[in-house]
C-alpha cells in the first residue's frame, strides 16, 4: 500500500522533478507534488510525495529528514489525512 509523505522546508525554487529524483533514491515514487499558491503560482515551500512501499517510505523519512535540497534543509513526515473543508463557515451561529 502506498504511503503519502509531507515534505516541508522546500526552497521556493525546488521543482517536482528534483523532489521526485531525491525520493527515488529511497524507492519507487508514485507521485511528487509541490503545493503552489492558487493566485501567484509561487511555491508555498512544502509538498507531498507518495511512495509505493511503506518500508521504503519509512526509510525516506529516516534518511531524508535534515537533508539539503537547493540549499534548504527539508523535513519529511508521514502526511496526515486532509481535513474536510466543505463547511466554509456555514456552521456560524450568533
C-alpha atoms as a PDB file:
ATOM      1  CA  UNK A   1       0.000   0.000   0.000  1.00  0.00           C
ATOM      2  CA  UNK A   2       1.267   3.488  -0.852  1.00  0.00           C
ATOM      3  CA  UNK A   3       2.264   5.944   1.857  1.00  0.00           C
ATOM      4  CA  UNK A   4       1.959   9.705   1.455  1.00  0.00           C
ATOM      5  CA  UNK A   5       4.738  11.841   2.924  1.00  0.00           C
ATOM      6  CA  UNK A   6       4.734  15.532   3.823  1.00  0.00           C
ATOM      7  CA  UNK A   7       7.910  17.377   2.782  1.00  0.00           C
ATOM      8  CA  UNK A   8       8.486  20.778   4.410  1.00  0.00           C
ATOM      9  CA  UNK A   9      11.198  23.404   4.232  1.00  0.00           C
ATOM     10  CA  UNK A  10      11.442  23.319   0.457  1.00  0.00           C
ATOM     11  CA  UNK A  11      13.219  26.135  -1.331  1.00  0.00           C
ATOM     12  CA  UNK A  12      10.809  28.152  -3.467  1.00  0.00           C
ATOM     13  CA  UNK A  13      12.990  27.238  -6.455  1.00  0.00           C
ATOM     14  CA  UNK A  14      12.630  23.462  -5.912  1.00  0.00           C
ATOM     15  CA  UNK A  15      10.891  21.556  -8.695  1.00  0.00           C
ATOM     16  CA  UNK A  16       8.672  18.493  -8.583  1.00  0.00           C
ATOM     17  CA  UNK A  17      11.261  16.656 -10.707  1.00  0.00           C
ATOM     18  CA  UNK A  18      14.006  17.388  -8.134  1.00  0.00           C
ATOM     19  CA  UNK A  19      11.716  16.210  -5.339  1.00  0.00           C
ATOM     20  CA  UNK A  20      10.854  13.019  -7.219  1.00  0.00           C
ATOM     21  CA  UNK A  21      14.509  12.320  -8.031  1.00  0.00           C
ATOM     22  CA  UNK A  22      15.561  12.786  -4.388  1.00  0.00           C
ATOM     23  CA  UNK A  23      12.928  10.365  -3.099  1.00  0.00           C
ATOM     24  CA  UNK A  24      13.504   7.884  -5.936  1.00  0.00           C
ATOM     25  CA  UNK A  25      16.893   7.169  -4.335  1.00  0.00           C
ATOM     26  CA  UNK A  26      14.896   5.608  -1.453  1.00  0.00           C
ATOM     27  CA  UNK A  27      12.396   3.623  -3.531  1.00  0.00           C
ATOM     28  CA  UNK A  28       9.510   3.732  -6.017  1.00  0.00           C
ATOM     29  CA  UNK A  29       7.803   7.130  -6.148  1.00  0.00           C
ATOM     30  CA  UNK A  30       4.139   7.138  -7.196  1.00  0.00           C
ATOM     31  CA  UNK A  31       3.819  10.937  -7.255  1.00  0.00           C
ATOM     32  CA  UNK A  32       5.596  14.116  -6.139  1.00  0.00           C
ATOM     33  CA  UNK A  33       3.856  17.483  -5.960  1.00  0.00           C
ATOM     34  CA  UNK A  34       4.819  20.902  -4.650  1.00  0.00           C
ATOM     35  CA  UNK A  35       1.939  22.973  -3.315  1.00  0.00           C
ATOM     36  CA  UNK A  36       1.641  26.347  -5.003  1.00  0.00           C
ATOM     37  CA  UNK A  37      -0.325  29.494  -4.292  1.00  0.00           C
ATOM     38  CA  UNK A  38      -3.538  29.448  -6.317  1.00  0.00           C
ATOM     39  CA  UNK A  39      -3.217  33.082  -7.439  1.00  0.00           C
ATOM     40  CA  UNK A  40       0.520  33.645  -7.925  1.00  0.00           C
ATOM     41  CA  UNK A  41       1.704  30.119  -8.736  1.00  0.00           C
ATOM     42  CA  UNK A  42       4.563  30.618  -6.224  1.00  0.00           C
ATOM     43  CA  UNK A  43       5.623  27.566  -4.214  1.00  0.00           C
ATOM     44  CA  UNK A  44       4.365  27.527  -0.631  1.00  0.00           C
ATOM     45  CA  UNK A  45       7.550  25.747   0.497  1.00  0.00           C
ATOM     46  CA  UNK A  46       6.079  22.305   1.046  1.00  0.00           C
ATOM     47  CA  UNK A  47       4.840  19.340  -0.912  1.00  0.00           C
ATOM     48  CA  UNK A  48       3.843  15.699  -0.836  1.00  0.00           C
ATOM     49  CA  UNK A  49       5.500  12.542  -2.097  1.00  0.00           C
ATOM     50  CA  UNK A  50       3.635   9.273  -2.384  1.00  0.00           C
ATOM     51  CA  UNK A  51       5.784   6.164  -2.230  1.00  0.00           C
ATOM     52  CA  UNK A  52       4.650   2.725  -3.337  1.00  0.00           C
ATOM     53  CA  UNK A  53       6.123   0.762  -0.423  1.00  0.00           C
ATOM     54  CA  UNK A  54       5.642   1.611   3.271  1.00  0.00           C
ATOM     55  CA  UNK A  55       9.104   0.329   4.222  1.00  0.00           C
ATOM     56  CA  UNK A  56      10.736   2.491   1.554  1.00  0.00           C
ATOM     57  CA  UNK A  57       8.658   5.461   2.763  1.00  0.00           C
ATOM     58  CA  UNK A  58       9.823   4.915   6.352  1.00  0.00           C
ATOM     59  CA  UNK A  59      13.417   4.758   5.102  1.00  0.00           C
ATOM     60  CA  UNK A  60      12.868   8.027   3.224  1.00  0.00           C
ATOM     61  CA  UNK A  61      11.637   9.685   6.434  1.00  0.00           C
ATOM     62  CA  UNK A  62      14.710   8.462   8.305  1.00  0.00           C
ATOM     63  CA  UNK A  63      17.270   9.159   5.570  1.00  0.00           C
ATOM     64  CA  UNK A  64      15.987  12.426   4.083  1.00  0.00           C
ATOM     65  CA  UNK A  65      14.924  14.439   7.151  1.00  0.00           C
ATOM     66  CA  UNK A  66      17.573  17.144   7.532  1.00  0.00           C
ATOM     67  CA  UNK A  67      18.991  16.565   4.047  1.00  0.00           C
ATOM     68  CA  UNK A  68      19.587  19.630   1.889  1.00  0.00           C
ATOM     69  CA  UNK A  69      17.692  20.280  -1.327  1.00  0.00           C
ATOM     70  CA  UNK A  70      18.568  23.509  -3.150  1.00  0.00           C
ATOM     71  CA  UNK A  71      20.354  24.834  -0.065  1.00  0.00           C
ATOM     72  CA  UNK A  72      17.463  24.235   2.365  1.00  0.00           C
ATOM     73  CA  UNK A  73      17.205  21.523   4.997  1.00  0.00           C
ATOM     74  CA  UNK A  74      13.991  19.561   4.455  1.00  0.00           C
ATOM     75  CA  UNK A  75      11.650  17.865   6.907  1.00  0.00           C
ATOM     76  CA  UNK A  76       9.918  14.612   5.999  1.00  0.00           C
ATOM     77  CA  UNK A  77       6.978  13.114   7.917  1.00  0.00           C
ATOM     78  CA  UNK A  78       4.082  10.811   7.224  1.00  0.00           C
ATOM     79  CA  UNK A  79       1.275  13.006   5.879  1.00  0.00           C
ATOM     80  CA  UNK A  80      -1.853  13.429   7.960  1.00  0.00           C
ATOM     81  CA  UNK A  81      -5.255  12.900   6.322  1.00  0.00           C
ATOM     82  CA  UNK A  82      -6.595  16.006   4.574  1.00  0.00           C
ATOM     83  CA  UNK A  83      -9.142  17.941   6.625  1.00  0.00           C
ATOM     84  CA  UNK A  84     -12.671  18.364   5.335  1.00  0.00           C
ATOM     85  CA  UNK A  85     -13.029  21.966   4.161  1.00  0.00           C
ATOM     86  CA  UNK A  86     -16.623  21.819   2.968  1.00  0.00           C
ATOM     87  CA  UNK A  87     -18.162  23.699   5.915  1.00  0.00           C
ATOM     88  CA  UNK A  88     -16.699  27.048   4.753  1.00  0.00           C
ATOM     89  CA  UNK A  89     -18.130  28.933   7.710  1.00  0.00           C
ATOM     90  CA  UNK A  90     -21.712  27.802   7.133  1.00  0.00           C
ATOM     91  CA  UNK A  91     -21.842  26.499  10.700  1.00  0.00           C
ATOM     92  CA  UNK A  92     -21.547  30.014  12.108  1.00  0.00           C
ATOM     93  CA  UNK A  93     -24.231  30.775  14.701  1.00  0.00           C
ATOM     94  CA  UNK A  94     -24.934  34.012  16.540  1.00  0.00           C
END
